[in-house]
């Protein structure tokens, strides 16, 4: 599920943007894990990734 989502998105955005979005997502998950001891489900990962994608598109 996650791999399919990532492969689909990879084909729609540039490699640079994909790497930026992935880094944003990773940092968000790390922050929540360290600060709140929160685990991330695959569905939550996809939602976080989508939010980061929207945030990046608004900043560009």
PDB file of N, CA and C in Angstrom:
ATOM      1  N   UNK A   1       0.822  -1.189   0.000  1.00  0.00           N
ATOM      2  CA  UNK A   1       0.000   0.000   0.000  1.00  0.00           C
ATOM      3  C   UNK A   1       0.870   1.259   0.000  1.00  0.00           C
ATOM      4  N   UNK A   2       1.778   1.357   0.942  1.00  0.00           N
ATOM      5  CA  UNK A   2       2.653   2.524   1.017  1.00  0.00           C
ATOM      6  C   UNK A   2       3.585   2.559  -0.183  1.00  0.00           C
ATOM      7  N   UNK A   3       4.147   1.418  -0.527  1.00  0.00           N
ATOM      8  CA  UNK A   3       5.073   1.356  -1.661  1.00  0.00           C
ATOM      9  C   UNK A   3       4.377   1.743  -2.962  1.00  0.00           C
ATOM     10  N   UNK A   4       3.163   1.279  -3.149  1.00  0.00           N
ATOM     11  CA  UNK A   4       2.392   1.648  -4.341  1.00  0.00           C
ATOM     12  C   UNK A   4       2.146   3.150  -4.371  1.00  0.00           C
ATOM     13  N   UNK A   5       1.794   3.719  -3.232  1.00  0.00           N
ATOM     14  CA  UNK A   5       1.554   5.150  -3.141  1.00  0.00           C
ATOM     15  C   UNK A   5       2.818   5.929  -3.498  1.00  0.00           C
ATOM     16  N   UNK A   6       3.950   5.525  -2.926  1.00  0.00           N
ATOM     17  CA  UNK A   6       5.215   6.221  -3.182  1.00  0.00           C
ATOM     18  C   UNK A   6       5.636   6.107  -4.643  1.00  0.00           C
ATOM     19  N   UNK A   7       5.484   4.937  -5.222  1.00  0.00           N
ATOM     20  CA  UNK A   7       5.835   4.766  -6.634  1.00  0.00           C
ATOM     21  C   UNK A   7       4.956   5.614  -7.531  1.00  0.00           C
ATOM     22  N   UNK A   8       3.667   5.695  -7.206  1.00  0.00           N
ATOM     23  CA  UNK A   8       2.750   6.516  -7.989  1.00  0.00           C
ATOM     24  C   UNK A   8       3.127   7.989  -7.888  1.00  0.00           C
ATOM     25  N   UNK A   9       3.409   8.438  -6.680  1.00  0.00           N
ATOM     26  CA  UNK A   9       3.769   9.838  -6.492  1.00  0.00           C
ATOM     27  C   UNK A   9       5.098  10.176  -7.152  1.00  0.00           C
ATOM     28  N   UNK A  10       6.037   9.241  -7.113  1.00  0.00           N
ATOM     29  CA  UNK A  10       7.348   9.453  -7.734  1.00  0.00           C
ATOM     30  C   UNK A  10       7.219   9.773  -9.212  1.00  0.00           C
ATOM     31  N   UNK A  11       6.241   9.166  -9.848  1.00  0.00           N
ATOM     32  CA  UNK A  11       6.050   9.406 -11.278  1.00  0.00           C
ATOM     33  C   UNK A  11       5.376  10.751 -11.558  1.00  0.00           C
ATOM     34  N   UNK A  12       4.812  11.374 -10.525  1.00  0.00           N
ATOM     35  CA  UNK A  12       4.072  12.627 -10.712  1.00  0.00           C
ATOM     36  C   UNK A  12       4.859  13.872 -10.321  1.00  0.00           C
ATOM     37  N   UNK A  13       5.895  13.720  -9.498  1.00  0.00           N
ATOM     38  CA  UNK A  13       6.677  14.880  -9.051  1.00  0.00           C
ATOM     39  C   UNK A  13       8.143  14.682  -9.412  1.00  0.00           C
ATOM     40  N   UNK A  14       8.886  15.769  -9.392  1.00  0.00           N
ATOM     41  CA  UNK A  14      10.312  15.659  -9.699  1.00  0.00           C
ATOM     42  C   UNK A  14      11.039  14.927  -8.575  1.00  0.00           C
ATOM     43  N   UNK A  15      12.212  14.435  -8.898  1.00  0.00           N
ATOM     44  CA  UNK A  15      13.003  13.704  -7.906  1.00  0.00           C
ATOM     45  C   UNK A  15      13.362  14.620  -6.740  1.00  0.00           C
ATOM     46  N   UNK A  16      13.689  15.879  -7.044  1.00  0.00           N
ATOM     47  CA  UNK A  16      14.042  16.849  -6.008  1.00  0.00           C
ATOM     48  C   UNK A  16      12.867  17.079  -5.060  1.00  0.00           C
ATOM     49  N   UNK A  17      11.678  17.310  -5.622  1.00  0.00           N
ATOM     50  CA  UNK A  17      10.492  17.534  -4.797  1.00  0.00           C
ATOM     51  C   UNK A  17      10.141  16.289  -3.974  1.00  0.00           C
ATOM     52  N   UNK A  18      10.275  15.119  -4.586  1.00  0.00           N
ATOM     53  CA  UNK A  18       9.986  13.881  -3.860  1.00  0.00           C
ATOM     54  C   UNK A  18      10.901  13.750  -2.650  1.00  0.00           C
ATOM     55  N   UNK A  19      12.189  14.031  -2.847  1.00  0.00           N
ATOM     56  CA  UNK A  19      13.140  13.930  -1.735  1.00  0.00           C
ATOM     57  C   UNK A  19      12.830  14.942  -0.637  1.00  0.00           C
ATOM     58  N   UNK A  20      12.410  16.137  -1.015  1.00  0.00           N
ATOM     59  CA  UNK A  20      12.043  17.162  -0.028  1.00  0.00           C
ATOM     60  C   UNK A  20      10.808  16.727   0.753  1.00  0.00           C
ATOM     61  N   UNK A  21       9.794  16.244   0.043  1.00  0.00           N
ATOM     62  CA  UNK A  21       8.560  15.791   0.695  1.00  0.00           C
ATOM     63  C   UNK A  21       8.856  14.621   1.628  1.00  0.00           C
ATOM     64  N   UNK A  22       9.684  13.700   1.172  1.00  0.00           N
ATOM     65  CA  UNK A  22      10.028  12.547   1.999  1.00  0.00           C
ATOM     66  C   UNK A  22      10.761  12.985   3.269  1.00  0.00           C
ATOM     67  N   UNK A  23      11.674  13.952   3.137  1.00  0.00           N
ATOM     68  CA  UNK A  23      12.403  14.457   4.305  1.00  0.00           C
ATOM     69  C   UNK A  23      11.456  15.158   5.276  1.00  0.00           C
ATOM     70  N   UNK A  24      10.513  15.938   4.752  1.00  0.00           N
ATOM     71  CA  UNK A  24       9.527  16.607   5.607  1.00  0.00           C
ATOM     72  C   UNK A  24       8.699  15.584   6.371  1.00  0.00           C
ATOM     73  N   UNK A  25       8.271  14.545   5.677  1.00  0.00           N
ATOM     74  CA  UNK A  25       7.469  13.495   6.297  1.00  0.00           C
ATOM     75  C   UNK A  25       8.256  12.781   7.377  1.00  0.00           C
ATOM     76  N   UNK A  26       9.493  12.445   7.065  1.00  0.00           N
ATOM     77  CA  UNK A  26      10.347  11.745   8.025  1.00  0.00           C
ATOM     78  C   UNK A  26      10.557  12.575   9.286  1.00  0.00           C
ATOM     79  N   UNK A  27      10.779  13.863   9.139  1.00  0.00           N
ATOM     80  CA  UNK A  27      10.980  14.733  10.294  1.00  0.00           C
ATOM     81  C   UNK A  27       9.712  14.851  11.133  1.00  0.00           C
ATOM     82  N   UNK A  28       8.560  14.931  10.479  1.00  0.00           N
ATOM     83  CA  UNK A  28       7.288  14.990  11.198  1.00  0.00           C
ATOM     84  C   UNK A  28       7.087  13.734  12.032  1.00  0.00           C
ATOM     85  N   UNK A  29       7.346  12.587  11.432  1.00  0.00           N
ATOM     86  CA  UNK A  29       7.175  11.315  12.142  1.00  0.00           C
ATOM     87  C   UNK A  29       8.175  11.206  13.289  1.00  0.00           C
ATOM     88  N   UNK A  30       9.407  11.584  13.055  1.00  0.00           N
ATOM     89  CA  UNK A  30      10.418  11.537  14.121  1.00  0.00           C
ATOM     90  C   UNK A  30      10.035  12.425  15.295  1.00  0.00           C
ATOM     91  N   UNK A  31       9.550  13.628  15.005  1.00  0.00           N
ATOM     92  CA  UNK A  31       9.145  14.549  16.061  1.00  0.00           C
ATOM     93  C   UNK A  31       8.037  13.938  16.909  1.00  0.00           C
ATOM     94  N   UNK A  32       7.022  13.386  16.247  1.00  0.00           N
ATOM     95  CA  UNK A  32       5.902  12.786  16.983  1.00  0.00           C
ATOM     96  C   UNK A  32       6.335  11.569  17.779  1.00  0.00           C
ATOM     97  N   UNK A  33       7.261  10.805  17.242  1.00  0.00           N
ATOM     98  CA  UNK A  33       7.715   9.621  17.956  1.00  0.00           C
ATOM     99  C   UNK A  33       8.512  10.015  19.192  1.00  0.00           C
ATOM    100  N   UNK A  34       9.403  11.001  19.053  1.00  0.00           N
ATOM    101  CA  UNK A  34      10.232  11.422  20.192  1.00  0.00           C
ATOM    102  C   UNK A  34       9.425  12.191  21.227  1.00  0.00           C
ATOM    103  N   UNK A  35       8.598  13.094  20.777  1.00  0.00           N
ATOM    104  CA  UNK A  35       7.873  13.965  21.700  1.00  0.00           C
ATOM    105  C   UNK A  35       6.687  13.279  22.367  1.00  0.00           C
ATOM    106  N   UNK A  36       5.973  12.461  21.623  1.00  0.00           N
ATOM    107  CA  UNK A  36       4.724  11.903  22.132  1.00  0.00           C
ATOM    108  C   UNK A  36       4.717  10.382  22.181  1.00  0.00           C
ATOM    109  N   UNK A  37       5.847   9.764  21.832  1.00  0.00           N
ATOM    110  CA  UNK A  37       5.959   8.304  21.791  1.00  0.00           C
ATOM    111  C   UNK A  37       4.833   7.705  20.937  1.00  0.00           C
ATOM    112  N   UNK A  38       4.572   8.365  19.818  1.00  0.00           N
ATOM    113  CA  UNK A  38       3.470   7.986  18.942  1.00  0.00           C
ATOM    114  C   UNK A  38       3.976   7.116  17.794  1.00  0.00           C
ATOM    115  N   UNK A  39       3.291   6.027  17.548  1.00  0.00           N
ATOM    116  CA  UNK A  39       3.598   5.149  16.425  1.00  0.00           C
ATOM    117  C   UNK A  39       2.791   5.597  15.211  1.00  0.00           C
ATOM    118  N   UNK A  40       3.349   5.395  14.032  1.00  0.00           N
ATOM    119  CA  UNK A  40       2.702   5.815  12.796  1.00  0.00           C
ATOM    120  C   UNK A  40       2.284   4.598  11.993  1.00  0.00           C
ATOM    121  N   UNK A  41       1.002   4.531  11.679  1.00  0.00           N
ATOM    122  CA  UNK A  41       0.489   3.444  10.848  1.00  0.00           C
ATOM    123  C   UNK A  41       0.771   3.777   9.378  1.00  0.00           C
ATOM    124  N   UNK A  42       0.704   2.781   8.502  1.00  0.00           N
ATOM    125  CA  UNK A  42       0.885   3.060   7.072  1.00  0.00           C
ATOM    126  C   UNK A  42      -0.114   4.092   6.541  1.00  0.00           C
ATOM    127  N   UNK A  43      -1.334   4.030   7.007  1.00  0.00           N
ATOM    128  CA  UNK A  43      -2.349   5.000   6.564  1.00  0.00           C
ATOM    129  C   UNK A  43      -1.981   6.415   7.014  1.00  0.00           C
ATOM    130  N   UNK A  44      -1.505   6.537   8.255  1.00  0.00           N
ATOM    131  CA  UNK A  44      -1.080   7.846   8.759  1.00  0.00           C
ATOM    132  C   UNK A  44       0.128   8.358   7.987  1.00  0.00           C
ATOM    133  N   UNK A  45       1.040   7.462   7.632  1.00  0.00           N
ATOM    134  CA  UNK A  45       2.209   7.855   6.837  1.00  0.00           C
ATOM    135  C   UNK A  45       1.774   8.474   5.517  1.00  0.00           C
ATOM    136  N   UNK A  46       0.825   7.834   4.856  1.00  0.00           N
ATOM    137  CA  UNK A  46       0.336   8.356   3.577  1.00  0.00           C
ATOM    138  C   UNK A  46      -0.315   9.718   3.764  1.00  0.00           C
ATOM    139  N   UNK A  47      -1.117   9.893   4.813  1.00  0.00           N
ATOM    140  CA  UNK A  47      -1.763  11.185   5.070  1.00  0.00           C
ATOM    141  C   UNK A  47      -0.732  12.277   5.367  1.00  0.00           C
ATOM    142  N   UNK A  48       0.266  11.956   6.162  1.00  0.00           N
ATOM    143  CA  UNK A  48       1.323  12.922   6.461  1.00  0.00           C
ATOM    144  C   UNK A  48       2.053  13.294   5.173  1.00  0.00           C
ATOM    145  N   UNK A  49       2.348  12.288   4.348  1.00  0.00           N
ATOM    146  CA  UNK A  49       3.041  12.532   3.082  1.00  0.00           C
ATOM    147  C   UNK A  49       2.217  13.449   2.184  1.00  0.00           C
ATOM    148  N   UNK A  50       0.916  13.217   2.126  1.00  0.00           N
ATOM    149  CA  UNK A  50       0.040  14.062   1.302  1.00  0.00           C
ATOM    150  C   UNK A  50       0.031  15.500   1.815  1.00  0.00           C
ATOM    151  N   UNK A  51      -0.032  15.665   3.148  1.00  0.00           N
ATOM    152  CA  UNK A  51      -0.022  17.019   3.722  1.00  0.00           C
ATOM    153  C   UNK A  51       1.282  17.739   3.414  1.00  0.00           C
ATOM    154  N   UNK A  52       2.380  17.018   3.482  1.00  0.00           N
ATOM    155  CA  UNK A  52       3.680  17.616   3.166  1.00  0.00           C
ATOM    156  C   UNK A  52       3.757  17.997   1.691  1.00  0.00           C
ATOM    157  N   UNK A  53       3.162  17.190   0.851  1.00  0.00           N
ATOM    158  CA  UNK A  53       3.123  17.479  -0.588  1.00  0.00           C
ATOM    159  C   UNK A  53       2.350  18.772  -0.852  1.00  0.00           C
ATOM    160  N   UNK A  54       1.214  18.917  -0.193  1.00  0.00           N
ATOM    161  CA  UNK A  54       0.412  20.142  -0.340  1.00  0.00           C
ATOM    162  C   UNK A  54       1.188  21.348   0.198  1.00  0.00           C
ATOM    163  N   UNK A  55       1.827  21.188   1.326  1.00  0.00           N
ATOM    164  CA  UNK A  55       2.597  22.293   1.918  1.00  0.00           C
ATOM    165  C   UNK A  55       3.717  22.737   0.982  1.00  0.00           C
ATOM    166  N   UNK A  56       4.406  21.779   0.386  1.00  0.00           N
ATOM    167  CA  UNK A  56       5.490  22.124  -0.529  1.00  0.00           C
ATOM    168  C   UNK A  56       4.948  22.824  -1.776  1.00  0.00           C
ATOM    169  N   UNK A  57       3.817  22.349  -2.279  1.00  0.00           N
ATOM    170  CA  UNK A  57       3.250  22.967  -3.485  1.00  0.00           C
ATOM    171  C   UNK A  57       2.797  24.401  -3.215  1.00  0.00           C
ATOM    172  N   UNK A  58       2.378  24.689  -1.998  1.00  0.00           N
ATOM    173  CA  UNK A  58       1.962  26.046  -1.646  1.00  0.00           C
ATOM    174  C   UNK A  58       3.149  26.978  -1.482  1.00  0.00           C
ATOM    175  N   UNK A  59       4.285  26.426  -1.105  1.00  0.00           N
ATOM    176  CA  UNK A  59       5.482  27.240  -0.904  1.00  0.00           C
ATOM    177  C   UNK A  59       6.234  27.499  -2.204  1.00  0.00           C
ATOM    178  N   UNK A  60       6.002  26.679  -3.202  1.00  0.00           N
ATOM    179  CA  UNK A  60       6.743  26.811  -4.461  1.00  0.00           C
ATOM    180  C   UNK A  60       6.145  27.840  -5.368  1.00  0.00           C
TER     181      UNK A  60
END
